[in-house]
PDB file of all heavy atoms in Angstrom:
ATOM      1  N   LYS A   1       0.838  -1.204  -0.008  1.00  0.00           N
ATOM      2  CA  LYS A   1       0.003  -0.001  -0.004  1.00  0.00           C
ATOM      3  C   LYS A   1       0.885   1.235  -0.004  1.00  0.00           C
ATOM      4  O   LYS A   1       1.623   1.480   0.955  1.00  0.00           O
ATOM      5  CB  LYS A   1      -0.909  -0.015   1.228  1.00  0.00           C
ATOM      6  CG  LYS A   1      -1.928  -1.126   1.232  1.00  0.00           C
ATOM      7  CD  LYS A   1      -2.862  -1.053   2.420  1.00  0.00           C
ATOM      8  CE  LYS A   1      -2.200  -1.539   3.680  1.00  0.00           C
ATOM      9  NZ  LYS A   1      -3.111  -1.579   4.849  1.00  0.00           N
ATOM     10  N   THR A   2       0.802   1.993  -1.101  1.00  0.00           N
ATOM     11  CA  THR A   2       1.603   3.214  -1.210  1.00  0.00           C
ATOM     12  C   THR A   2       0.715   4.431  -1.148  1.00  0.00           C
ATOM     13  O   THR A   2      -0.295   4.522  -1.853  1.00  0.00           O
ATOM     14  CB  THR A   2       2.382   3.190  -2.562  1.00  0.00           C
ATOM     15  OG1 THR A   2       3.131   2.016  -2.673  1.00  0.00           O
ATOM     16  CG2 THR A   2       3.303   4.421  -2.658  1.00  0.00           C
ATOM     17  N   TYR A   3       1.105   5.358  -0.297  1.00  0.00           N
ATOM     18  CA  TYR A   3       0.359   6.600  -0.110  1.00  0.00           C
ATOM     19  C   TYR A   3       1.176   7.812  -0.543  1.00  0.00           C
ATOM     20  O   TYR A   3       2.403   7.780  -0.482  1.00  0.00           O
ATOM     21  CB  TYR A   3      -0.042   6.792   1.375  1.00  0.00           C
ATOM     22  CG  TYR A   3      -1.022   5.789   1.879  1.00  0.00           C
ATOM     23  CD1 TYR A   3      -0.628   4.466   2.193  1.00  0.00           C
ATOM     24  CD2 TYR A   3      -2.374   6.109   2.093  1.00  0.00           C
ATOM     25  CE1 TYR A   3      -1.517   3.555   2.675  1.00  0.00           C
ATOM     26  CE2 TYR A   3      -3.255   5.192   2.583  1.00  0.00           C
ATOM     27  CZ  TYR A   3      -2.850   3.904   2.867  1.00  0.00           C
ATOM     28  OH  TYR A   3      -3.731   3.011   3.369  1.00  0.00           O
ATOM     29  N   TRP A   4       0.501   8.872  -0.957  1.00  0.00           N
ATOM     30  CA  TRP A   4       1.132  10.169  -1.141  1.00  0.00           C
ATOM     31  C   TRP A   4       0.546  11.096  -0.095  1.00  0.00           C
ATOM     32  O   TRP A   4      -0.669  11.117   0.147  1.00  0.00           O
ATOM     33  CB  TRP A   4       0.836  10.722  -2.520  1.00  0.00           C
ATOM     34  CG  TRP A   4       1.698  10.143  -3.606  1.00  0.00           C
ATOM     35  CD1 TRP A   4       2.523   9.059  -3.515  1.00  0.00           C
ATOM     36  CD2 TRP A   4       1.824  10.607  -4.962  1.00  0.00           C
ATOM     37  NE1 TRP A   4       3.171   8.811  -4.713  1.00  0.00           N
ATOM     38  CE2 TRP A   4       2.766   9.746  -5.598  1.00  0.00           C
ATOM     39  CE3 TRP A   4       1.300  11.669  -5.663  1.00  0.00           C
ATOM     40  CZ2 TRP A   4       3.129   9.944  -6.961  1.00  0.00           C
ATOM     41  CZ3 TRP A   4       1.660  11.862  -6.992  1.00  0.00           C
ATOM     42  CH2 TRP A   4       2.564  10.986  -7.602  1.00  0.00           C
ATOM     43  N   ALA A   5       1.418  11.861   0.518  1.00  0.00           N
ATOM     44  CA  ALA A   5       1.026  12.821   1.556  1.00  0.00           C
ATOM     45  C   ALA A   5       1.706  14.152   1.309  1.00  0.00           C
ATOM     46  O   ALA A   5       2.917  14.194   1.075  1.00  0.00           O
ATOM     47  CB  ALA A   5       1.359  12.297   2.951  1.00  0.00           C
ATOM     48  N   ILE A   6       0.939  15.214   1.370  1.00  0.00           N
ATOM     49  CA  ILE A   6       1.474  16.573   1.292  1.00  0.00           C
ATOM     50  C   ILE A   6       1.603  17.084   2.728  1.00  0.00           C
ATOM     51  O   ILE A   6       0.582  17.176   3.447  1.00  0.00           O
ATOM     52  CB  ILE A   6       0.580  17.516   0.470  1.00  0.00           C
ATOM     53  CG1 ILE A   6       0.445  16.965  -0.963  1.00  0.00           C
ATOM     54  CG2 ILE A   6       1.132  18.924   0.448  1.00  0.00           C
ATOM     55  CD1 ILE A   6      -0.557  17.772  -1.831  1.00  0.00           C
ATOM     56  N   VAL A   7       2.821  17.391   3.154  1.00  0.00           N
ATOM     57  CA  VAL A   7       3.040  17.786   4.555  1.00  0.00           C
ATOM     58  C   VAL A   7       3.508  19.241   4.615  1.00  0.00           C
ATOM     59  O   VAL A   7       3.971  19.828   3.647  1.00  0.00           O
ATOM     60  CB  VAL A   7       4.109  16.895   5.238  1.00  0.00           C
ATOM     61  CG1 VAL A   7       3.600  15.412   5.260  1.00  0.00           C
ATOM     62  CG2 VAL A   7       5.443  16.976   4.556  1.00  0.00           C
ATOM     63  N   CYS A   8       3.278  19.833   5.787  1.00  0.00           N
ATOM     64  CA  CYS A   8       3.465  21.288   5.997  1.00  0.00           C
ATOM     65  C   CYS A   8       4.917  21.676   6.229  1.00  0.00           C
ATOM     66  O   CYS A   8       5.294  22.839   5.959  1.00  0.00           O
ATOM     67  CB  CYS A   8       2.594  21.754   7.162  1.00  0.00           C
ATOM     68  SG  CYS A   8       0.841  21.478   6.949  1.00  0.00           S
ATOM     69  N   ASN A   9       5.735  20.800   6.754  1.00  0.00           N
ATOM     70  CA  ASN A   9       7.093  21.143   7.110  1.00  0.00           C
ATOM     71  C   ASN A   9       8.104  20.216   6.468  1.00  0.00           C
ATOM     72  O   ASN A   9       7.768  19.072   6.087  1.00  0.00           O
ATOM     73  CB  ASN A   9       7.324  21.110   8.622  1.00  0.00           C
ATOM     74  CG  ASN A   9       6.387  22.047   9.340  1.00  0.00           C
ATOM     75  OD1 ASN A   9       6.165  23.183   8.905  1.00  0.00           O
ATOM     76  ND2 ASN A   9       5.818  21.631  10.479  1.00  0.00           N
ATOM     77  N   GLU A  10       9.333  20.655   6.308  1.00  0.00           N
ATOM     78  CA  GLU A  10      10.334  19.843   5.686  1.00  0.00           C
ATOM     79  C   GLU A  10      10.716  18.661   6.608  1.00  0.00           C
ATOM     80  O   GLU A  10      11.029  18.872   7.795  1.00  0.00           O
ATOM     81  CB  GLU A  10      11.584  20.646   5.382  1.00  0.00           C
ATOM     82  CG  GLU A  10      12.683  19.863   4.695  1.00  0.00           C
ATOM     83  CD  GLU A  10      13.884  20.719   4.296  1.00  0.00           C
ATOM     84  OE1 GLU A  10      13.921  21.908   4.693  1.00  0.00           O
ATOM     85  OE2 GLU A  10      14.766  20.211   3.619  1.00  0.00           O
ATOM     86  N   PRO A  11      10.706  17.427   6.099  1.00  0.00           N
ATOM     87  CA  PRO A  11      11.079  16.292   6.923  1.00  0.00           C
ATOM     88  C   PRO A  11      12.539  16.367   7.366  1.00  0.00           C
ATOM     89  O   PRO A  11      13.373  16.982   6.649  1.00  0.00           O
ATOM     90  CB  PRO A  11      10.835  15.116   6.014  1.00  0.00           C
ATOM     91  CG  PRO A  11       9.864  15.613   4.969  1.00  0.00           C
ATOM     92  CD  PRO A  11      10.238  17.039   4.784  1.00  0.00           C
ATOM     93  N   PRO A  12      12.886  15.768   8.490  1.00  0.00           N
ATOM     94  CA  PRO A  12      14.253  15.820   8.967  1.00  0.00           C
ATOM     95  C   PRO A  12      15.234  15.072   8.065  1.00  0.00           C
ATOM     96  O   PRO A  12      16.421  15.374   8.058  1.00  0.00           O
ATOM     97  CB  PRO A  12      14.176  15.165  10.350  1.00  0.00           C
ATOM     98  CG  PRO A  12      12.906  14.358  10.340  1.00  0.00           C
ATOM     99  CD  PRO A  12      11.977  15.103   9.414  1.00  0.00           C
ATOM    100  N   GLU A  13      14.738  14.118   7.269  1.00  0.00           N
ATOM    101  CA  GLU A  13      15.563  13.367   6.318  1.00  0.00           C
ATOM    102  C   GLU A  13      14.832  13.232   5.027  1.00  0.00           C
ATOM    103  O   GLU A  13      13.587  13.229   4.960  1.00  0.00           O
ATOM    104  CB  GLU A  13      15.905  11.986   6.864  1.00  0.00           C
ATOM    105  CG  GLU A  13      16.693  11.964   8.179  1.00  0.00           C
ATOM    106  CD  GLU A  13      16.891  10.577   8.695  1.00  0.00           C
ATOM    107  OE1 GLU A  13      17.814   9.916   8.197  1.00  0.00           O
ATOM    108  OE2 GLU A  13      16.111  10.161   9.578  1.00  0.00           O
ATOM    109  N   GLU A  14      15.581  13.064   3.938  1.00  0.00           N
ATOM    110  CA  GLU A  14      14.968  12.905   2.602  1.00  0.00           C
ATOM    111  C   GLU A  14      14.163  11.575   2.514  1.00  0.00           C
ATOM    112  O   GLU A  14      13.156  11.501   1.870  1.00  0.00           O
ATOM    113  CB  GLU A  14      16.020  12.921   1.493  1.00  0.00           C
ATOM    114  CG  GLU A  14      16.528  14.295   1.183  1.00  0.00           C
ATOM    115  CD  GLU A  14      15.508  15.131   0.415  1.00  0.00           C
ATOM    116  OE1 GLU A  14      15.018  14.696  -0.649  1.00  0.00           O
ATOM    117  OE2 GLU A  14      15.165  16.263   0.912  1.00  0.00           O
ATOM    118  N   GLN A  15      14.684  10.567   3.218  1.00  0.00           N
ATOM    119  CA  GLN A  15      13.958   9.306   3.310  1.00  0.00           C
ATOM    120  C   GLN A  15      14.364   8.608   4.598  1.00  0.00           C
ATOM    121  O   GLN A  15      15.462   8.775   5.091  1.00  0.00           O
ATOM    122  CB  GLN A  15      14.194   8.405   2.099  1.00  0.00           C
ATOM    123  CG  GLN A  15      15.626   7.978   1.903  1.00  0.00           C
ATOM    124  CD  GLN A  15      15.772   7.132   0.644  1.00  0.00           C
ATOM    125  OE1 GLN A  15      15.411   7.547  -0.442  1.00  0.00           O
ATOM    126  NE2 GLN A  15      16.279   5.931   0.817  1.00  0.00           N
ATOM    127  N   ALA A  16      13.400   7.856   5.174  1.00  0.00           N
ATOM    128  CA  ALA A  16      13.682   7.229   6.440  1.00  0.00           C
ATOM    129  C   ALA A  16      12.610   6.176   6.740  1.00  0.00           C
ATOM    130  O   ALA A  16      11.521   6.149   6.124  1.00  0.00           O
ATOM    131  CB  ALA A  16      13.696   8.259   7.568  1.00  0.00           C
ATOM    132  N   THR A  17      12.922   5.294   7.651  1.00  0.00           N
ATOM    133  CA  THR A  17      11.961   4.381   8.224  1.00  0.00           C
ATOM    134  C   THR A  17      11.547   4.887   9.618  1.00  0.00           C
ATOM    135  O   THR A  17      12.403   5.161  10.416  1.00  0.00           O
ATOM    136  CB  THR A  17      12.545   2.956   8.345  1.00  0.00           C
ATOM    137  OG1 THR A  17      12.876   2.456   7.049  1.00  0.00           O
ATOM    138  CG2 THR A  17      11.545   2.010   9.014  1.00  0.00           C
ATOM    139  N   LEU A  18      10.273   5.025   9.820  1.00  0.00           N
ATOM    140  CA  LEU A  18       9.761   5.480  11.106  1.00  0.00           C
ATOM    141  C   LEU A  18       9.179   4.297  11.871  1.00  0.00           C
ATOM    142  O   LEU A  18       8.376   3.523  11.362  1.00  0.00           O
ATOM    143  CB  LEU A  18       8.656   6.526  10.920  1.00  0.00           C
ATOM    144  CG  LEU A  18       9.038   7.815  10.152  1.00  0.00           C
ATOM    145  CD1 LEU A  18       7.826   8.749  10.125  1.00  0.00           C
ATOM    146  CD2 LEU A  18      10.262   8.477  10.736  1.00  0.00           C
ATOM    147  N   THR A  19       9.630   4.154  13.117  1.00  0.00           N
ATOM    148  CA  THR A  19       9.118   3.096  14.006  1.00  0.00           C
ATOM    149  C   THR A  19       8.651   3.748  15.297  1.00  0.00           C
ATOM    150  O   THR A  19       9.428   4.416  15.961  1.00  0.00           O
ATOM    151  CB  THR A  19      10.186   2.066  14.334  1.00  0.00           C
ATOM    152  OG1 THR A  19      10.644   1.455  13.100  1.00  0.00           O
ATOM    153  CG2 THR A  19       9.622   0.943  15.221  1.00  0.00           C
ATOM    154  N   HIS A  20       7.375   3.613  15.592  1.00  0.00           N
ATOM    155  CA  HIS A  20       6.816   4.123  16.845  1.00  0.00           C
ATOM    156  C   HIS A  20       5.868   3.087  17.439  1.00  0.00           C
ATOM    157  O   HIS A  20       5.545   2.063  16.828  1.00  0.00           O
ATOM    158  CB  HIS A  20       6.015   5.418  16.556  1.00  0.00           C
ATOM    159  CG  HIS A  20       6.845   6.562  16.063  1.00  0.00           C
ATOM    160  ND1 HIS A  20       6.876   6.922  14.731  1.00  0.00           N
ATOM    161  CD2 HIS A  20       7.658   7.428  16.692  1.00  0.00           C
ATOM    162  CE1 HIS A  20       7.671   7.966  14.572  1.00  0.00           C
ATOM    163  NE2 HIS A  20       8.158   8.271  15.748  1.00  0.00           N
ATOM    164  N   TRP A  21       5.439   3.374  18.640  1.00  0.00           N
ATOM    165  CA  TRP A  21       4.408   2.575  19.303  1.00  0.00           C
ATOM    166  C   TRP A  21       3.207   3.466  19.518  1.00  0.00           C
ATOM    167  O   TRP A  21       3.318   4.546  20.158  1.00  0.00           O
ATOM    168  CB  TRP A  21       4.916   2.018  20.626  1.00  0.00           C
ATOM    169  CG  TRP A  21       5.815   0.803  20.417  1.00  0.00           C
ATOM    170  CD1 TRP A  21       5.432  -0.504  20.517  1.00  0.00           C
ATOM    171  CD2 TRP A  21       7.203   0.806  20.034  1.00  0.00           C
ATOM    172  NE1 TRP A  21       6.505  -1.328  20.252  1.00  0.00           N
ATOM    173  CE2 TRP A  21       7.581  -0.567  19.938  1.00  0.00           C
ATOM    174  CE3 TRP A  21       8.135   1.794  19.783  1.00  0.00           C
ATOM    175  CZ2 TRP A  21       8.896  -0.912  19.584  1.00  0.00           C
ATOM    176  CZ3 TRP A  21       9.417   1.467  19.412  1.00  0.00           C
ATOM    177  CH2 TRP A  21       9.785   0.098  19.340  1.00  0.00           C
ATOM    178  N   LEU A  22       2.041   3.081  18.970  1.00  0.00           N
ATOM    179  CA  LEU A  22       0.889   3.951  18.968  1.00  0.00           C
ATOM    180  C   LEU A  22      -0.158   3.472  19.996  1.00  0.00           C
ATOM    181  O   LEU A  22      -0.423   2.282  20.133  1.00  0.00           O
ATOM    182  CB  LEU A  22       0.251   3.967  17.608  1.00  0.00           C
ATOM    183  CG  LEU A  22       1.096   4.369  16.368  1.00  0.00           C
ATOM    184  CD1 LEU A  22       0.217   4.560  15.154  1.00  0.00           C
ATOM    185  CD2 LEU A  22       1.919   5.594  16.643  1.00  0.00           C
ATOM    186  N   THR A  23      -0.738   4.456  20.647  1.00  0.00           N
ATOM    187  CA  THR A  23      -1.904   4.202  21.478  1.00  0.00           C
ATOM    188  C   THR A  23      -3.081   4.977  20.897  1.00  0.00           C
ATOM    189  O   THR A  23      -2.890   5.901  20.126  1.00  0.00           O
ATOM    190  CB  THR A  23      -1.686   4.657  22.939  1.00  0.00           C
ATOM    191  OG1 THR A  23      -1.402   6.070  22.953  1.00  0.00           O
ATOM    192  CG2 THR A  23      -0.524   3.903  23.586  1.00  0.00           C
ATOM    193  N   ARG A  24      -4.264   4.568  21.266  1.00  0.00           N
ATOM    194  CA  ARG A  24      -5.479   5.213  20.701  1.00  0.00           C
ATOM    195  C   ARG A  24      -6.368   5.719  21.822  1.00  0.00           C
ATOM    196  O   ARG A  24      -6.585   5.037  22.835  1.00  0.00           O
ATOM    197  CB  ARG A  24      -6.261   4.183  19.834  1.00  0.00           C
ATOM    198  CG  ARG A  24      -7.515   4.744  19.202  1.00  0.00           C
ATOM    199  CD  ARG A  24      -8.129   3.677  18.269  1.00  0.00           C
ATOM    200  NE  ARG A  24      -9.371   4.156  17.684  1.00  0.00           N
ATOM    201  CZ  ARG A  24     -10.073   3.462  16.828  1.00  0.00           C
ATOM    202  NH1 ARG A  24      -9.703   2.249  16.478  1.00  0.00           N
ATOM    203  NH2 ARG A  24     -11.194   3.964  16.319  1.00  0.00           N
TER     204      ARG A  24
END
């Protein structure tokens, strides 16, 4: 599943893997 997202600020890296633990 590939998404496109328009974001408001410049990302800290040109490309990266993000790993987090999410709660709801």
